[in-house]
Amino acid sequence: MIRFVFRFLGLWILAAGFVALVRDGTKSIAANAIFTTSLDEDWTNIHAASRQSIEAAIAKYIVPYVGGWVWDPVTLGVLAAPTFVVLGILGSGLILIGRKKRRLVGYGRD
């Protein structure tokens, strides 16, 4: 059951990444230049308050225990990446986690 949830969420996130890719592609064609939208820009456009609350939560709960390197290079690097790349990687990872296990070939059943 949990594998189904991972695959289901992974497919929806991968579909959202594809929509972001098509959106950036149409903007690039219209502008006659390469155009990509960062995850930070999309997140701020969709719901700015949640992004600010996540930033405060990371600063309050994670940074004191692990250090400042979590926010500056890691989180800001992910937020600066194009949306379709982040959603594509996240969706693909969830699909891989939820995949069915392969049968072992060449082993007898006991």
C-alpha atoms as a PDB file:
ATOM      1  CA  MET A   1       0.000   0.000   0.000  1.00  0.00           C
ATOM      2  CA  ILE A   2       2.769   2.443   0.875  1.00  0.00           C
ATOM      3  CA  ARG A   3       4.515   1.668  -2.421  1.00  0.00           C
ATOM      4  CA  PHE A   4       1.359   2.723  -4.223  1.00  0.00           C
ATOM      5  CA  VAL A   5       1.346   6.038  -2.349  1.00  0.00           C
ATOM      6  CA  PHE A   6       4.985   6.689  -3.285  1.00  0.00           C
ATOM      7  CA  ARG A   7       4.330   5.865  -6.942  1.00  0.00           C
ATOM      8  CA  PHE A   8       1.127   7.920  -6.996  1.00  0.00           C
ATOM      9  CA  LEU A   9       2.777  11.001  -5.466  1.00  0.00           C
ATOM     10  CA  GLY A  10       5.825  10.520  -7.668  1.00  0.00           C
ATOM     11  CA  LEU A  11       3.714  10.470 -10.810  1.00  0.00           C
ATOM     12  CA  TRP A  12       1.840  13.628  -9.812  1.00  0.00           C
ATOM     13  CA  ILE A  13       5.046  15.457  -8.936  1.00  0.00           C
ATOM     14  CA  LEU A  14       6.648  14.290 -12.184  1.00  0.00           C
ATOM     15  CA  ALA A  15       3.585  15.541 -14.089  1.00  0.00           C
ATOM     16  CA  ALA A  16       3.888  18.922 -12.352  1.00  0.00           C
ATOM     17  CA  GLY A  17       7.549  19.016 -13.382  1.00  0.00           C
ATOM     18  CA  PHE A  18       6.548  18.331 -16.968  1.00  0.00           C
ATOM     19  CA  VAL A  19       4.000  21.162 -16.823  1.00  0.00           C
ATOM     20  CA  ALA A  20       6.730  23.486 -15.524  1.00  0.00           C
ATOM     21  CA  LEU A  21       9.004  22.363 -18.378  1.00  0.00           C
ATOM     22  CA  VAL A  22       6.302  23.071 -20.963  1.00  0.00           C
ATOM     23  CA  ARG A  23       5.598  26.465 -19.385  1.00  0.00           C
ATOM     24  CA  ASP A  24       9.289  27.429 -19.475  1.00  0.00           C
ATOM     25  CA  GLY A  25       9.541  26.101 -23.027  1.00  0.00           C
ATOM     26  CA  THR A  26       6.651  28.211 -24.267  1.00  0.00           C
ATOM     27  CA  LYS A  27       8.079  31.286 -22.544  1.00  0.00           C
ATOM     28  CA  SER A  28      11.449  30.574 -24.168  1.00  0.00           C
ATOM     29  CA  ILE A  29       9.885  30.235 -27.609  1.00  0.00           C
ATOM     30  CA  ALA A  30       7.882  33.441 -27.156  1.00  0.00           C
ATOM     31  CA  ALA A  31      10.881  35.412 -25.884  1.00  0.00           C
ATOM     32  CA  ASN A  32      13.287  33.878 -28.430  1.00  0.00           C
ATOM     33  CA  ALA A  33      15.728  33.163 -25.583  1.00  0.00           C
ATOM     34  CA  ILE A  34      16.193  30.448 -22.981  1.00  0.00           C
ATOM     35  CA  PHE A  35      13.986  31.119 -19.975  1.00  0.00           C
ATOM     36  CA  THR A  36      13.802  29.069 -16.777  1.00  0.00           C
ATOM     37  CA  THR A  37      11.842  29.736 -13.617  1.00  0.00           C
ATOM     38  CA  SER A  38      13.515  28.924 -10.306  1.00  0.00           C
ATOM     39  CA  LEU A  39      11.752  26.927  -7.618  1.00  0.00           C
ATOM     40  CA  ASP A  40      12.033  29.907  -5.274  1.00  0.00           C
ATOM     41  CA  GLU A  41      10.208  32.168  -7.737  1.00  0.00           C
ATOM     42  CA  ASP A  42       7.438  29.628  -8.322  1.00  0.00           C
ATOM     43  CA  TRP A  43       7.051  28.915  -4.606  1.00  0.00           C
ATOM     44  CA  THR A  44       6.863  32.638  -3.828  1.00  0.00           C
ATOM     45  CA  ASN A  45       4.236  33.141  -6.542  1.00  0.00           C
ATOM     46  CA  ILE A  46       2.110  30.237  -5.323  1.00  0.00           C
ATOM     47  CA  HIS A  47       2.284  30.751  -1.539  1.00  0.00           C
ATOM     48  CA  ALA A  48       4.851  33.161  -0.105  1.00  0.00           C
ATOM     49  CA  ALA A  49       3.834  32.694   3.524  1.00  0.00           C
ATOM     50  CA  SER A  50       4.644  28.970   3.524  1.00  0.00           C
ATOM     51  CA  ARG A  51       8.101  29.634   2.075  1.00  0.00           C
ATOM     52  CA  GLN A  52       8.822  32.147   4.833  1.00  0.00           C
ATOM     53  CA  SER A  53       7.570  29.762   7.517  1.00  0.00           C
ATOM     54  CA  ILE A  54       9.762  26.946   6.169  1.00  0.00           C
ATOM     55  CA  GLU A  55      12.749  29.298   6.183  1.00  0.00           C
ATOM     56  CA  ALA A  56      12.031  30.228   9.815  1.00  0.00           C
ATOM     57  CA  ALA A  57      11.585  26.568  10.794  1.00  0.00           C
ATOM     58  CA  ILE A  58      14.896  25.571   9.192  1.00  0.00           C
ATOM     59  CA  ALA A  59      16.650  28.481  10.907  1.00  0.00           C
ATOM     60  CA  LYS A  60      15.120  27.586  14.271  1.00  0.00           C
ATOM     61  CA  TYR A  61      15.257  23.785  14.351  1.00  0.00           C
ATOM     62  CA  ILE A  62      17.898  22.556  11.902  1.00  0.00           C
ATOM     63  CA  VAL A  63      20.630  25.206  11.627  1.00  0.00           C
ATOM     64  CA  PRO A  64      21.535  25.267  15.360  1.00  0.00           C
ATOM     65  CA  TYR A  65      22.132  21.519  15.371  1.00  0.00           C
ATOM     66  CA  VAL A  66      23.855  20.955  12.025  1.00  0.00           C
ATOM     67  CA  GLY A  67      25.254  24.357  11.208  1.00  0.00           C
ATOM     68  CA  GLY A  68      24.735  27.154   8.733  1.00  0.00           C
ATOM     69  CA  TRP A  69      25.829  25.077   5.745  1.00  0.00           C
ATOM     70  CA  VAL A  70      22.341  23.563   5.563  1.00  0.00           C
ATOM     71  CA  TRP A  71      20.696  26.839   4.598  1.00  0.00           C
ATOM     72  CA  ASP A  72      23.269  28.640   2.506  1.00  0.00           C
ATOM     73  CA  PRO A  73      24.680  26.220  -0.054  1.00  0.00           C
ATOM     74  CA  VAL A  74      22.180  23.357   0.191  1.00  0.00           C
ATOM     75  CA  THR A  75      18.722  24.887   0.533  1.00  0.00           C
ATOM     76  CA  LEU A  76      19.440  28.029  -1.460  1.00  0.00           C
ATOM     77  CA  GLY A  77      21.015  25.886  -4.184  1.00  0.00           C
ATOM     78  CA  VAL A  78      17.876  23.776  -4.461  1.00  0.00           C
ATOM     79  CA  LEU A  79      15.669  26.876  -4.459  1.00  0.00           C
ATOM     80  CA  ALA A  80      17.773  28.460  -7.224  1.00  0.00           C
ATOM     81  CA  ALA A  81      17.443  25.389  -9.476  1.00  0.00           C
ATOM     82  CA  PRO A  82      14.781  25.326 -12.204  1.00  0.00           C
ATOM     83  CA  THR A  83      11.428  24.034 -11.018  1.00  0.00           C
ATOM     84  CA  PHE A  84      11.172  21.265 -13.602  1.00  0.00           C
ATOM     85  CA  VAL A  85      14.568  19.856 -12.553  1.00  0.00           C
ATOM     86  CA  VAL A  86      13.719  19.745  -8.842  1.00  0.00           C
ATOM     87  CA  LEU A  87      10.257  18.277  -9.414  1.00  0.00           C
ATOM     88  CA  GLY A  88      11.625  15.792 -11.951  1.00  0.00           C
ATOM     89  CA  ILE A  89      14.270  14.506  -9.547  1.00  0.00           C
ATOM     90  CA  LEU A  90      11.848  14.373  -6.615  1.00  0.00           C
ATOM     91  CA  GLY A  91       9.141  12.613  -8.637  1.00  0.00           C
ATOM     92  CA  SER A  92      11.593  10.121 -10.141  1.00  0.00           C
ATOM     93  CA  GLY A  93      12.993   9.363  -6.694  1.00  0.00           C
ATOM     94  CA  LEU A  94       9.550   8.673  -5.274  1.00  0.00           C
ATOM     95  CA  ILE A  95       8.701   6.415  -8.209  1.00  0.00           C
ATOM     96  CA  LEU A  96      11.941   4.491  -7.703  1.00  0.00           C
ATOM     97  CA  ILE A  97      11.276   4.120  -3.977  1.00  0.00           C
ATOM     98  CA  GLY A  98       7.788   2.779  -4.680  1.00  0.00           C
ATOM     99  CA  ARG A  99       8.715   0.346  -7.442  1.00  0.00           C
ATOM    100  CA  LYS A 100       8.020  -3.337  -7.061  1.00  0.00           C
ATOM    101  CA  LYS A 101      10.934  -5.541  -6.147  1.00  0.00           C
ATOM    102  CA  ARG A 102      12.385  -7.630  -8.936  1.00  0.00           C
ATOM    103  CA  ARG A 103      12.330 -11.379  -8.756  1.00  0.00           C
ATOM    104  CA  LEU A 104      15.709 -12.957  -8.413  1.00  0.00           C
ATOM    105  CA  VAL A 105      16.569 -14.898 -11.539  1.00  0.00           C
ATOM    106  CA  GLY A 106      18.418 -18.168 -11.125  1.00  0.00           C
ATOM    107  CA  TYR A 107      17.439 -18.907  -7.547  1.00  0.00           C
ATOM    108  CA  GLY A 108      15.289 -21.871  -6.656  1.00  0.00           C
ATOM    109  CA  ARG A 109      12.263 -21.513  -4.468  1.00  0.00           C
ATOM    110  CA  ASP A 110      12.526 -23.205  -1.121  1.00  0.00           C
END
